[in-house]
Amino acid sequence: MSYESETFALGYERVAGVDEAGRGPIAGPIVAAAVILVAPLPGLNDSKKLTPTQRERLFYLLHREGNAIGVSSLDADFIDRVGIQSANYMVMIQAAAKLDPAPDFLLVDGFAIPGCRFPHKAIVKGDQLSLSIAAASIVAKVVRDRMMNELDRRYPQYGFAKHKGYATKEHLAALRRFGPSPIHRKSFAPLSQSPQLEFPS
């Protein structure tokens, strides 16, 4: 909580960690979460360093313990229209804006957010260095994984429940066989580079 403590010392009271999940996949939404921790929670860590079972347990505890949590998502069509970087900024701002009570400062994983109305600090590898950002990374990851599991039921031929939309060998093989689905990101390679993978009209 060192970054949080430094921010409290500046006079801020409601400090939220913000992180996203789903920036890199070639299918599915990008999801962001913002979390104001009421107290440190044992076991919090970068979501990528936790098992699915550990993430689900911490997700439950984060909601049970009265922490303020905001979540937002933007779909593949929106990402294709504005680009992944703009979508990344926007989804983080939306997640922070959903917090109740509203935050007065944000700790953000990786980079500053242009146009954000909240004062904030970017922390490289923040999900490993700040408990608030780690909490946000867990919430965003669990929410997105659940969304991809639901999309797997709608489009079972792609294996979304397994690879969550990332460009695995299995996923790319399914793309070659079935073509893209409506939730694939047309602006991402290989879809942006392969005319044979054009979306059906």
N, C-alpha and C. Protein backbone atom coordinates (compact mmCIF):
# COMPACT_ATOMS: atom_id res chain seq x y z
N MET A 1 0.82 -1.21 0.00
CA MET A 1 0.00 0.00 0.00
C MET A 1 0.86 1.27 0.00
N SER A 2 2.12 1.19 -0.43
CA SER A 2 2.99 2.36 -0.35
C SER A 2 2.51 3.49 -1.26
N TYR A 3 2.07 3.16 -2.47
CA TYR A 3 1.58 4.20 -3.37
C TYR A 3 0.29 4.82 -2.81
N GLU A 4 -0.56 3.98 -2.25
CA GLU A 4 -1.78 4.49 -1.63
C GLU A 4 -1.44 5.41 -0.46
N SER A 5 -0.49 5.00 0.37
CA SER A 5 -0.11 5.80 1.53
C SER A 5 0.47 7.14 1.11
N GLU A 6 1.28 7.15 0.05
CA GLU A 6 1.82 8.42 -0.45
C GLU A 6 0.70 9.36 -0.90
N THR A 7 -0.32 8.78 -1.51
CA THR A 7 -1.43 9.59 -2.01
C THR A 7 -2.29 10.11 -0.86
N PHE A 8 -2.52 9.24 0.13
CA PHE A 8 -3.25 9.71 1.31
C PHE A 8 -2.51 10.88 1.97
N ALA A 9 -1.20 10.82 2.00
CA ALA A 9 -0.40 11.86 2.65
C ALA A 9 -0.54 13.20 1.94
N LEU A 10 -0.94 13.18 0.67
CA LEU A 10 -1.16 14.41 -0.08
C LEU A 10 -2.55 15.00 0.16
N GLY A 11 -3.37 14.29 0.95
CA GLY A 11 -4.68 14.80 1.29
C GLY A 11 -5.84 14.13 0.58
N TYR A 12 -5.55 13.17 -0.29
CA TYR A 12 -6.62 12.44 -0.97
C TYR A 12 -7.16 11.34 -0.05
N GLU A 13 -8.45 11.07 -0.17
CA GLU A 13 -9.08 10.10 0.73
C GLU A 13 -9.59 8.85 0.02
N ARG A 14 -10.10 9.00 -1.19
CA ARG A 14 -10.70 7.88 -1.92
C ARG A 14 -9.82 7.56 -3.13
N VAL A 15 -8.86 6.70 -2.90
CA VAL A 15 -7.86 6.36 -3.92
C VAL A 15 -8.25 5.03 -4.57
N ALA A 16 -8.43 5.07 -5.87
CA ALA A 16 -8.84 3.87 -6.61
C ALA A 16 -7.71 3.34 -7.46
N GLY A 17 -7.57 2.03 -7.51
CA GLY A 17 -6.70 1.38 -8.47
C GLY A 17 -7.49 1.08 -9.73
N VAL A 18 -6.87 1.23 -10.89
CA VAL A 18 -7.55 1.02 -12.17
C VAL A 18 -6.68 0.13 -13.05
N ASP A 19 -7.30 -0.86 -13.67
CA ASP A 19 -6.58 -1.74 -14.59
C ASP A 19 -7.56 -2.30 -15.60
N GLU A 20 -7.02 -2.87 -16.67
CA GLU A 20 -7.86 -3.44 -17.73
C GLU A 20 -7.49 -4.89 -18.00
N ALA A 21 -8.40 -5.57 -18.66
CA ALA A 21 -8.16 -6.92 -19.17
C ALA A 21 -8.68 -6.99 -20.59
N GLY A 22 -7.93 -7.62 -21.47
CA GLY A 22 -8.41 -7.82 -22.83
C GLY A 22 -7.89 -6.83 -23.84
N ARG A 23 -6.76 -6.23 -23.57
CA ARG A 23 -6.18 -5.31 -24.55
C ARG A 23 -5.62 -6.08 -25.76
N GLY A 24 -5.03 -7.23 -25.52
CA GLY A 24 -4.31 -7.93 -26.57
C GLY A 24 -5.06 -8.95 -27.40
N PRO A 25 -6.19 -9.51 -26.94
CA PRO A 25 -6.88 -10.54 -27.72
C PRO A 25 -7.37 -10.04 -29.08
N ILE A 26 -7.64 -10.95 -29.98
CA ILE A 26 -8.17 -10.60 -31.30
C ILE A 26 -9.68 -10.77 -31.35
N ALA A 27 -10.29 -11.11 -30.22
CA ALA A 27 -11.74 -11.24 -30.15
C ALA A 27 -12.23 -10.86 -28.77
N GLY A 28 -13.46 -10.38 -28.71
CA GLY A 28 -14.09 -10.07 -27.44
C GLY A 28 -13.85 -8.64 -26.99
N PRO A 29 -14.42 -8.27 -25.85
CA PRO A 29 -14.36 -6.91 -25.36
C PRO A 29 -13.07 -6.61 -24.61
N ILE A 30 -12.86 -5.33 -24.36
CA ILE A 30 -11.89 -4.89 -23.37
C ILE A 30 -12.68 -4.50 -22.14
N VAL A 31 -12.19 -4.87 -20.98
CA VAL A 31 -12.89 -4.63 -19.71
C VAL A 31 -11.94 -3.90 -18.76
N ALA A 32 -12.45 -2.90 -18.08
CA ALA A 32 -11.66 -2.20 -17.06
C ALA A 32 -12.40 -2.23 -15.74
N ALA A 33 -11.63 -2.21 -14.66
CA ALA A 33 -12.20 -2.14 -13.32
C ALA A 33 -11.47 -1.08 -12.53
N ALA A 34 -12.20 -0.47 -11.60
CA ALA A 34 -11.63 0.49 -10.66
C ALA A 34 -12.06 0.05 -9.26
N VAL A 35 -11.14 0.04 -8.32
CA VAL A 35 -11.43 -0.45 -6.98
C VAL A 35 -10.86 0.50 -5.93
N ILE A 36 -11.70 0.92 -4.98
CA ILE A 36 -11.25 1.63 -3.80
C ILE A 36 -11.28 0.63 -2.65
N LEU A 37 -10.11 0.25 -2.16
CA LEU A 37 -10.03 -0.72 -1.08
C LEU A 37 -10.33 -0.05 0.27
N VAL A 38 -11.16 -0.69 1.06
CA VAL A 38 -11.38 -0.18 2.42
C VAL A 38 -10.27 -0.66 3.36
N ALA A 39 -9.61 -1.74 2.99
CA ALA A 39 -8.51 -2.28 3.78
C ALA A 39 -7.74 -3.27 2.91
N PRO A 40 -6.45 -3.49 3.18
CA PRO A 40 -5.70 -4.50 2.44
C PRO A 40 -6.36 -5.87 2.54
N LEU A 41 -6.33 -6.61 1.47
CA LEU A 41 -6.91 -7.96 1.44
C LEU A 41 -5.80 -8.96 1.17
N PRO A 42 -5.55 -9.89 2.10
CA PRO A 42 -4.48 -10.87 1.90
C PRO A 42 -4.69 -11.66 0.61
N GLY A 43 -3.60 -11.87 -0.12
CA GLY A 43 -3.65 -12.66 -1.34
C GLY A 43 -3.75 -11.86 -2.61
N LEU A 44 -4.01 -10.56 -2.50
CA LEU A 44 -4.09 -9.75 -3.71
C LEU A 44 -2.75 -9.74 -4.44
N ASN A 45 -2.83 -9.90 -5.76
CA ASN A 45 -1.63 -9.90 -6.58
C ASN A 45 -2.06 -9.65 -8.02
N ASP A 46 -1.10 -9.39 -8.87
CA ASP A 46 -1.36 -9.29 -10.30
C ASP A 46 -2.19 -10.50 -10.73
N SER A 47 -3.31 -10.24 -11.40
CA SER A 47 -4.22 -11.34 -11.76
C SER A 47 -3.54 -12.41 -12.58
N LYS A 48 -2.51 -12.03 -13.37
CA LYS A 48 -1.82 -13.00 -14.21
C LYS A 48 -1.01 -13.99 -13.40
N LYS A 49 -0.73 -13.65 -12.14
CA LYS A 49 0.05 -14.53 -11.27
C LYS A 49 -0.84 -15.41 -10.39
N LEU A 50 -2.14 -15.36 -10.60
CA LEU A 50 -3.08 -16.13 -9.81
C LEU A 50 -3.79 -17.17 -10.67
N THR A 51 -4.21 -18.25 -10.06
CA THR A 51 -4.99 -19.25 -10.77
C THR A 51 -6.43 -18.76 -10.91
N PRO A 52 -7.21 -19.33 -11.83
CA PRO A 52 -8.62 -18.95 -11.93
C PRO A 52 -9.37 -19.11 -10.61
N THR A 53 -9.08 -20.18 -9.87
CA THR A 53 -9.74 -20.39 -8.59
C THR A 53 -9.38 -19.29 -7.59
N GLN A 54 -8.11 -18.91 -7.54
CA GLN A 54 -7.69 -17.83 -6.65
C GLN A 54 -8.34 -16.51 -7.04
N ARG A 55 -8.42 -16.25 -8.35
CA ARG A 55 -9.05 -15.00 -8.80
C ARG A 55 -10.53 -14.96 -8.42
N GLU A 56 -11.23 -16.07 -8.61
CA GLU A 56 -12.65 -16.11 -8.27
C GLU A 56 -12.87 -15.89 -6.77
N ARG A 57 -12.02 -16.48 -5.96
CA ARG A 57 -12.14 -16.32 -4.51
C ARG A 57 -11.93 -14.86 -4.11
N LEU A 58 -10.89 -14.23 -4.66
CA LEU A 58 -10.61 -12.84 -4.33
C LEU A 58 -11.69 -11.91 -4.89
N PHE A 59 -12.21 -12.23 -6.04
CA PHE A 59 -13.32 -11.46 -6.62
C PHE A 59 -14.51 -11.46 -5.67
N TYR A 60 -14.83 -12.63 -5.14
CA TYR A 60 -15.92 -12.74 -4.17
C TYR A 60 -15.63 -11.92 -2.91
N LEU A 61 -14.41 -12.04 -2.39
CA LEU A 61 -14.06 -11.33 -1.17
C LEU A 61 -14.05 -9.82 -1.38
N LEU A 62 -13.58 -9.38 -2.53
CA LEU A 62 -13.56 -7.94 -2.81
C LEU A 62 -14.96 -7.36 -2.79
N HIS A 63 -15.92 -8.10 -3.31
CA HIS A 63 -17.31 -7.63 -3.30
C HIS A 63 -17.94 -7.76 -1.92
N ARG A 64 -17.55 -8.77 -1.18
CA ARG A 64 -18.16 -9.01 0.13
C ARG A 64 -17.69 -8.00 1.18
N GLU A 65 -16.46 -7.51 1.02
CA GLU A 65 -15.85 -6.69 2.07
C GLU A 65 -16.22 -5.21 1.99
N GLY A 66 -17.10 -4.84 1.10
CA GLY A 66 -17.57 -3.46 1.06
C GLY A 66 -16.66 -2.49 0.32
N ASN A 67 -15.79 -3.00 -0.55
CA ASN A 67 -14.96 -2.12 -1.36
C ASN A 67 -15.79 -1.50 -2.47
N ALA A 68 -15.48 -0.27 -2.85
CA ALA A 68 -16.16 0.36 -3.98
C ALA A 68 -15.57 -0.20 -5.27
N ILE A 69 -16.43 -0.67 -6.17
CA ILE A 69 -15.97 -1.32 -7.40
C ILE A 69 -16.76 -0.78 -8.59
N GLY A 70 -16.05 -0.37 -9.62
CA GLY A 70 -16.67 0.05 -10.87
C GLY A 70 -16.11 -0.76 -12.02
N VAL A 71 -16.98 -1.17 -12.94
CA VAL A 71 -16.55 -1.99 -14.08
C VAL A 71 -17.19 -1.46 -15.36
N SER A 72 -16.43 -1.47 -16.44
CA SER A 72 -16.96 -1.07 -17.74
C SER A 72 -16.34 -1.95 -18.81
N SER A 73 -17.04 -2.06 -19.93
CA SER A 73 -16.51 -2.85 -21.06
C SER A 73 -16.88 -2.16 -22.37
N LEU A 74 -16.05 -2.40 -23.38
CA LEU A 74 -16.31 -1.91 -24.74
C LEU A 74 -16.10 -3.07 -25.70
N ASP A 75 -17.02 -3.21 -26.65
CA ASP A 75 -17.00 -4.39 -27.51
C ASP A 75 -16.06 -4.24 -28.70
N ALA A 76 -15.95 -5.33 -29.46
CA ALA A 76 -15.01 -5.37 -30.57
C ALA A 76 -15.32 -4.33 -31.63
N ASP A 77 -16.60 -4.08 -31.93
CA ASP A 77 -16.96 -3.08 -32.92
C ASP A 77 -16.46 -1.70 -32.51
N PHE A 78 -16.61 -1.38 -31.22
CA PHE A 78 -16.15 -0.08 -30.74
C PHE A 78 -14.63 0.02 -30.84
N ILE A 79 -13.95 -1.04 -30.47
CA ILE A 79 -12.48 -1.07 -30.57
C ILE A 79 -12.04 -0.85 -32.01
N ASP A 80 -12.73 -1.48 -32.95
CA ASP A 80 -12.38 -1.31 -34.36
C ASP A 80 -12.62 0.13 -34.83
N ARG A 81 -13.63 0.79 -34.29
CA ARG A 81 -13.94 2.16 -34.72
C ARG A 81 -12.93 3.17 -34.20
N VAL A 82 -12.53 3.05 -32.94
CA VAL A 82 -11.70 4.11 -32.34
C VAL A 82 -10.26 3.70 -32.13
N GLY A 83 -9.95 2.41 -32.25
CA GLY A 83 -8.60 1.92 -31.99
C GLY A 83 -8.45 1.45 -30.55
N ILE A 84 -7.55 0.52 -30.34
CA ILE A 84 -7.44 -0.10 -29.03
C ILE A 84 -6.93 0.87 -27.97
N GLN A 85 -6.04 1.80 -28.33
CA GLN A 85 -5.51 2.70 -27.31
C GLN A 85 -6.60 3.66 -26.80
N SER A 86 -7.37 4.22 -27.73
CA SER A 86 -8.47 5.11 -27.32
C SER A 86 -9.51 4.34 -26.53
N ALA A 87 -9.82 3.12 -26.95
CA ALA A 87 -10.78 2.29 -26.21
C ALA A 87 -10.26 1.99 -24.81
N ASN A 88 -8.96 1.76 -24.70
CA ASN A 88 -8.34 1.47 -23.40
C ASN A 88 -8.51 2.67 -22.46
N TYR A 89 -8.20 3.86 -22.95
CA TYR A 89 -8.39 5.07 -22.14
C TYR A 89 -9.85 5.22 -21.72
N MET A 90 -10.75 5.08 -22.68
CA MET A 90 -12.16 5.34 -22.43
C MET A 90 -12.75 4.35 -21.43
N VAL A 91 -12.41 3.09 -21.55
CA VAL A 91 -13.01 2.09 -20.67
C VAL A 91 -12.51 2.27 -19.23
N MET A 92 -11.26 2.73 -19.07
CA MET A 92 -10.76 3.01 -17.73
C MET A 92 -11.48 4.20 -17.10
N ILE A 93 -11.68 5.25 -17.89
CA ILE A 93 -12.41 6.42 -17.39
C ILE A 93 -13.82 6.03 -16.98
N GLN A 94 -14.48 5.21 -17.81
CA GLN A 94 -15.84 4.79 -17.51
C GLN A 94 -15.91 3.97 -16.22
N ALA A 95 -14.94 3.07 -16.03
CA ALA A 95 -14.92 2.26 -14.82
C ALA A 95 -14.76 3.14 -13.58
N ALA A 96 -13.85 4.10 -13.65
CA ALA A 96 -13.64 5.00 -12.51
C ALA A 96 -14.88 5.83 -12.23
N ALA A 97 -15.56 6.25 -13.30
CA ALA A 97 -16.76 7.08 -13.15
C ALA A 97 -17.92 6.33 -12.50
N LYS A 98 -17.87 5.01 -12.53
CA LYS A 98 -18.95 4.21 -11.95
C LYS A 98 -18.76 3.96 -10.45
N LEU A 99 -17.64 4.40 -9.90
CA LEU A 99 -17.41 4.18 -8.47
C LEU A 99 -18.35 5.03 -7.62
N ASP A 100 -18.84 4.42 -6.56
CA ASP A 100 -19.68 5.11 -5.59
C ASP A 100 -19.24 4.70 -4.19
N PRO A 101 -18.61 5.59 -3.43
CA PRO A 101 -18.40 7.01 -3.72
C PRO A 101 -17.37 7.23 -4.82
N ALA A 102 -17.44 8.44 -5.42
CA ALA A 102 -16.51 8.77 -6.49
C ALA A 102 -15.09 8.87 -5.95
N PRO A 103 -14.12 8.48 -6.74
CA PRO A 103 -12.72 8.60 -6.30
C PRO A 103 -12.26 10.04 -6.37
N ASP A 104 -11.25 10.38 -5.60
CA ASP A 104 -10.62 11.69 -5.77
C ASP A 104 -9.19 11.57 -6.30
N PHE A 105 -8.72 10.31 -6.48
CA PHE A 105 -7.42 10.07 -7.09
C PHE A 105 -7.38 8.65 -7.63
N LEU A 106 -6.69 8.47 -8.76
CA LEU A 106 -6.57 7.14 -9.37
C LEU A 106 -5.10 6.72 -9.44
N LEU A 107 -4.84 5.47 -9.14
CA LEU A 107 -3.56 4.82 -9.43
C LEU A 107 -3.81 3.89 -10.62
N VAL A 108 -3.14 4.15 -11.73
CA VAL A 108 -3.44 3.49 -12.99
C VAL A 108 -2.29 2.60 -13.42
N ASP A 109 -2.61 1.40 -13.84
CA ASP A 109 -1.58 0.48 -14.31
C ASP A 109 -1.03 0.93 -15.65
N GLY A 110 0.24 1.20 -15.72
CA GLY A 110 0.93 1.35 -16.99
C GLY A 110 1.11 2.76 -17.52
N PHE A 111 0.02 3.51 -17.67
CA PHE A 111 0.15 4.78 -18.39
C PHE A 111 -0.90 5.79 -17.92
N ALA A 112 -0.59 7.07 -18.15
CA ALA A 112 -1.54 8.13 -17.84
C ALA A 112 -2.71 8.08 -18.82
N ILE A 113 -3.85 8.65 -18.42
CA ILE A 113 -5.07 8.60 -19.23
C ILE A 113 -5.41 10.00 -19.72
N PRO A 114 -5.18 10.31 -20.98
CA PRO A 114 -5.53 11.63 -21.50
C PRO A 114 -7.03 11.88 -21.36
N GLY A 115 -7.39 13.08 -20.95
CA GLY A 115 -8.79 13.45 -20.86
C GLY A 115 -9.48 12.99 -19.60
N CYS A 116 -8.77 12.34 -18.70
CA CYS A 116 -9.39 11.86 -17.46
C CYS A 116 -9.61 13.02 -16.51
N ARG A 117 -10.82 13.14 -15.99
CA ARG A 117 -11.12 14.26 -15.10
C ARG A 117 -10.60 14.05 -13.68
N PHE A 118 -10.20 12.83 -13.37
CA PHE A 118 -9.67 12.54 -12.03
C PHE A 118 -8.15 12.71 -12.03
N PRO A 119 -7.59 13.35 -11.02
CA PRO A 119 -6.12 13.35 -10.91
C PRO A 119 -5.64 11.91 -10.76
N HIS A 120 -4.52 11.59 -11.37
CA HIS A 120 -4.08 10.20 -11.33
C HIS A 120 -2.58 10.09 -11.51
N LYS A 121 -2.08 8.91 -11.17
CA LYS A 121 -0.66 8.59 -11.30
C LYS A 121 -0.52 7.27 -12.04
N ALA A 122 0.30 7.25 -13.08
CA ALA A 122 0.57 6.01 -13.81
C ALA A 122 1.71 5.27 -13.13
N ILE A 123 1.54 3.96 -12.95
CA ILE A 123 2.56 3.13 -12.32
C ILE A 123 2.88 1.96 -13.24
N VAL A 124 4.10 1.92 -13.75
CA VAL A 124 4.52 0.79 -14.58
C VAL A 124 4.54 -0.48 -13.73
N LYS A 125 3.93 -1.53 -14.25
CA LYS A 125 3.76 -2.79 -13.52
C LYS A 125 2.98 -2.56 -12.22
N GLY A 126 2.03 -1.65 -12.30
CA GLY A 126 1.26 -1.29 -11.12
C GLY A 126 0.49 -2.45 -10.51
N ASP A 127 0.08 -3.41 -11.34
CA ASP A 127 -0.66 -4.55 -10.80
C ASP A 127 0.22 -5.44 -9.92
N GLN A 128 1.54 -5.23 -9.98
CA GLN A 128 2.46 -5.95 -9.09
C GLN A 128 2.94 -5.11 -7.92
N LEU A 129 2.65 -3.80 -7.96
CA LEU A 129 3.21 -2.88 -6.98
C LEU A 129 2.17 -2.20 -6.09
N SER A 130 0.92 -2.23 -6.50
CA SER A 130 -0.15 -1.57 -5.74
C SER A 130 -1.28 -2.54 -5.50
N LEU A 131 -1.70 -2.68 -4.23
CA LEU A 131 -2.81 -3.59 -3.93
C LEU A 131 -4.11 -3.13 -4.59
N SER A 132 -4.31 -1.82 -4.70
CA SER A 132 -5.53 -1.32 -5.32
C SER A 132 -5.58 -1.68 -6.80
N ILE A 133 -4.45 -1.53 -7.48
CA ILE A 133 -4.41 -1.89 -8.90
C ILE A 133 -4.51 -3.40 -9.06
N ALA A 134 -3.87 -4.16 -8.17
CA ALA A 134 -4.00 -5.62 -8.22
C ALA A 134 -5.46 -6.03 -8.08
N ALA A 135 -6.18 -5.38 -7.16
CA ALA A 135 -7.60 -5.69 -6.99
C ALA A 135 -8.37 -5.40 -8.27
N ALA A 136 -8.06 -4.26 -8.91
CA ALA A 136 -8.74 -3.92 -10.16
C ALA A 136 -8.41 -4.92 -11.25
N SER A 137 -7.17 -5.39 -11.28
CA SER A 137 -6.78 -6.36 -12.31
C SER A 137 -7.55 -7.67 -12.14
N ILE A 138 -7.79 -8.07 -10.91
CA ILE A 138 -8.54 -9.30 -10.64
C ILE A 138 -10.00 -9.14 -11.07
N VAL A 139 -10.61 -8.03 -10.69
CA VAL A 139 -12.00 -7.81 -11.05
C VAL A 139 -12.16 -7.77 -12.57
N ALA A 140 -11.30 -7.02 -13.25
CA ALA A 140 -11.41 -6.92 -14.70
C ALA A 140 -11.22 -8.28 -15.37
N LYS A 141 -10.25 -9.04 -14.89
CA LYS A 141 -9.97 -10.36 -15.49
C LYS A 141 -11.13 -11.33 -15.27
N VAL A 142 -11.68 -11.37 -14.06
CA VAL A 142 -12.78 -12.30 -13.79
C VAL A 142 -14.01 -11.91 -14.61
N VAL A 143 -14.33 -10.63 -14.66
CA VAL A 143 -15.49 -10.19 -15.43
C VAL A 143 -15.32 -10.53 -16.91
N ARG A 144 -14.13 -10.25 -17.46
CA ARG A 144 -13.92 -10.55 -18.88
C ARG A 144 -13.95 -12.05 -19.15
N ASP A 145 -13.32 -12.84 -18.28
CA ASP A 145 -13.35 -14.29 -18.48
C ASP A 145 -14.77 -14.82 -18.47
N ARG A 146 -15.60 -14.30 -17.59
CA ARG A 146 -17.00 -14.73 -17.57
C ARG A 146 -17.72 -14.34 -18.86
N MET A 147 -17.42 -13.15 -19.37
CA MET A 147 -18.01 -12.73 -20.64
C MET A 147 -17.58 -13.64 -21.77
N MET A 148 -16.29 -14.01 -21.78
CA MET A 148 -15.81 -14.89 -22.85
C MET A 148 -16.38 -16.30 -22.72
N ASN A 149 -16.63 -16.76 -21.50
CA ASN A 149 -17.29 -18.06 -21.33
C ASN A 149 -18.71 -18.02 -21.90
N GLU A 150 -19.39 -16.91 -21.70
CA GLU A 150 -20.74 -16.76 -22.26
C GLU A 150 -20.68 -16.70 -23.78
N LEU A 151 -19.71 -15.98 -24.33
CA LEU A 151 -19.56 -15.90 -25.78
C LEU A 151 -19.16 -17.25 -26.37
N ASP A 152 -18.48 -18.07 -25.59
CA ASP A 152 -18.14 -19.43 -26.04
C ASP A 152 -19.40 -20.25 -26.26
N ARG A 153 -20.41 -20.03 -25.43
CA ARG A 153 -21.67 -20.76 -25.62
C ARG A 153 -22.39 -20.30 -26.89
N ARG A 154 -22.17 -19.04 -27.25
CA ARG A 154 -22.80 -18.51 -28.46
C ARG A 154 -22.03 -18.91 -29.72
N TYR A 155 -20.72 -18.99 -29.60
CA TYR A 155 -19.87 -19.32 -30.75
C TYR A 155 -18.92 -20.45 -30.34
N PRO A 156 -19.42 -21.66 -30.14
CA PRO A 156 -18.60 -22.74 -29.57
C PRO A 156 -17.47 -23.21 -30.46
N GLN A 157 -17.51 -22.90 -31.73
CA GLN A 157 -16.50 -23.44 -32.65
C GLN A 157 -15.12 -22.80 -32.47
N TYR A 158 -15.04 -21.70 -31.75
CA TYR A 158 -13.76 -20.99 -31.64
C TYR A 158 -12.96 -21.33 -30.38
N GLY A 159 -13.60 -21.87 -29.37
CA GLY A 159 -12.87 -22.21 -28.14
C GLY A 159 -12.60 -21.03 -27.23
N PHE A 160 -13.49 -20.03 -27.25
CA PHE A 160 -13.27 -18.82 -26.44
C PHE A 160 -13.11 -19.11 -24.96
N ALA A 161 -13.81 -20.11 -24.44
CA ALA A 161 -13.70 -20.41 -23.01
C ALA A 161 -12.29 -20.84 -22.63
N LYS A 162 -11.56 -21.37 -23.60
CA LYS A 162 -10.20 -21.85 -23.32
C LYS A 162 -9.17 -20.74 -23.48
N HIS A 163 -9.19 -20.03 -24.60
CA HIS A 163 -8.12 -19.05 -24.89
C HIS A 163 -8.54 -17.60 -24.67
N LYS A 164 -9.84 -17.38 -24.39
CA LYS A 164 -10.36 -16.05 -24.05
C LYS A 164 -10.13 -15.02 -25.15
N GLY A 165 -10.03 -15.49 -26.38
CA GLY A 165 -9.91 -14.57 -27.51
C GLY A 165 -8.49 -14.26 -27.94
N TYR A 166 -7.49 -14.77 -27.22
CA TYR A 166 -6.11 -14.55 -27.62
C TYR A 166 -5.78 -15.37 -28.87
N ALA A 167 -4.75 -14.94 -29.58
CA ALA A 167 -4.43 -15.55 -30.87
C ALA A 167 -3.59 -16.81 -30.69
N THR A 168 -4.16 -17.81 -30.05
CA THR A 168 -3.48 -19.09 -29.88
C THR A 168 -3.51 -19.87 -31.20
N LYS A 169 -2.71 -20.90 -31.26
CA LYS A 169 -2.68 -21.75 -32.46
C LYS A 169 -4.07 -22.33 -32.73
N GLU A 170 -4.74 -22.78 -31.66
CA GLU A 170 -6.08 -23.35 -31.80
C GLU A 170 -7.07 -22.31 -32.32
N HIS A 171 -6.98 -21.10 -31.80
CA HIS A 171 -7.89 -20.04 -32.22
C HIS A 171 -7.68 -19.68 -33.69
N LEU A 172 -6.43 -19.53 -34.09
CA LEU A 172 -6.14 -19.18 -35.48
C LEU A 172 -6.58 -20.29 -36.44
N ALA A 173 -6.45 -21.54 -36.01
CA ALA A 173 -6.93 -22.65 -36.84
C ALA A 173 -8.44 -22.58 -37.01
N ALA A 174 -9.16 -22.24 -35.95
CA ALA A 174 -10.62 -22.10 -36.03
C ALA A 174 -11.00 -20.94 -36.94
N LEU A 175 -10.24 -19.86 -36.90
CA LEU A 175 -10.50 -18.73 -37.80
C LEU A 175 -10.34 -19.14 -39.26
N ARG A 176 -9.30 -19.90 -39.55
CA ARG A 176 -9.10 -20.34 -40.93
C ARG A 176 -10.22 -21.26 -41.38
N ARG A 177 -10.74 -22.05 -40.46
CA ARG A 177 -11.78 -23.01 -40.81
C ARG A 177 -13.16 -22.36 -40.91
N PHE A 178 -13.49 -21.50 -39.96
CA PHE A 178 -14.85 -20.98 -39.86
C PHE A 178 -14.99 -19.52 -40.28
N GLY A 179 -13.85 -18.82 -40.47
CA GLY A 179 -13.94 -17.39 -40.68
C GLY A 179 -14.24 -16.69 -39.36
N PRO A 180 -14.23 -15.35 -39.37
CA PRO A 180 -14.43 -14.61 -38.13
C PRO A 180 -15.88 -14.55 -37.70
N SER A 181 -16.07 -14.37 -36.42
CA SER A 181 -17.41 -14.18 -35.84
C SER A 181 -17.65 -12.67 -35.67
N PRO A 182 -18.87 -12.28 -35.30
CA PRO A 182 -19.14 -10.86 -35.07
C PRO A 182 -18.35 -10.25 -33.93
N ILE A 183 -17.76 -11.07 -33.04
CA ILE A 183 -17.02 -10.49 -31.91
C ILE A 183 -15.51 -10.44 -32.15
N HIS A 184 -15.07 -10.80 -33.36
CA HIS A 184 -13.66 -10.67 -33.68
C HIS A 184 -13.32 -9.22 -34.02
N ARG A 185 -12.11 -8.82 -33.70
CA ARG A 185 -11.65 -7.46 -33.93
C ARG A 185 -11.05 -7.36 -35.33
N LYS A 186 -11.76 -6.71 -36.22
CA LYS A 186 -11.35 -6.63 -37.62
C LYS A 186 -10.06 -5.82 -37.81
N SER A 187 -9.78 -4.94 -36.87
CA SER A 187 -8.60 -4.08 -36.99
C SER A 187 -7.33 -4.75 -36.49
N PHE A 188 -7.45 -5.95 -35.93
CA PHE A 188 -6.30 -6.67 -35.40
C PHE A 188 -5.81 -7.71 -36.40
N ALA A 189 -4.48 -7.87 -36.50
CA ALA A 189 -3.93 -8.96 -37.28
C ALA A 189 -4.29 -10.29 -36.60
N PRO A 190 -4.56 -11.35 -37.36
CA PRO A 190 -4.41 -11.45 -38.81
C PRO A 190 -5.63 -10.98 -39.61
N LEU A 191 -6.72 -10.61 -38.92
CA LEU A 191 -7.93 -10.22 -39.66
C LEU A 191 -7.70 -9.00 -40.51
N SER A 192 -6.90 -8.05 -40.04
CA SER A 192 -6.66 -6.83 -40.79
C SER A 192 -5.75 -7.06 -41.98
N GLN A 193 -5.08 -8.22 -42.03
CA GLN A 193 -4.09 -8.49 -43.07
C GLN A 193 -4.52 -9.59 -44.03
N SER A 194 -5.67 -10.22 -43.78
CA SER A 194 -6.05 -11.41 -44.53
C SER A 194 -7.40 -11.22 -45.19
N PRO A 195 -7.43 -10.87 -46.46
CA PRO A 195 -8.71 -10.67 -47.15
C PRO A 195 -9.64 -11.88 -47.07
N GLN A 196 -9.07 -13.08 -47.01
CA GLN A 196 -9.89 -14.28 -46.98
C GLN A 196 -10.65 -14.42 -45.66
N LEU A 197 -10.27 -13.61 -44.68
CA LEU A 197 -10.94 -13.67 -43.39
C LEU A 197 -11.93 -12.53 -43.20
N GLU A 198 -12.35 -11.91 -44.31
CA GLU A 198 -13.30 -10.81 -44.21
C GLU A 198 -14.58 -11.26 -43.57
N PHE A 199 -15.22 -10.34 -42.85
CA PHE A 199 -16.49 -10.67 -42.19
C PHE A 199 -17.56 -10.90 -43.26
N PRO A 200 -18.45 -11.85 -43.01
CA PRO A 200 -19.57 -12.02 -43.92
C PRO A 200 -20.50 -10.81 -43.86
N SER A 201 -21.12 -10.49 -44.97
CA SER A 201 -22.03 -9.33 -45.01
C SER A 201 -23.38 -9.70 -44.39
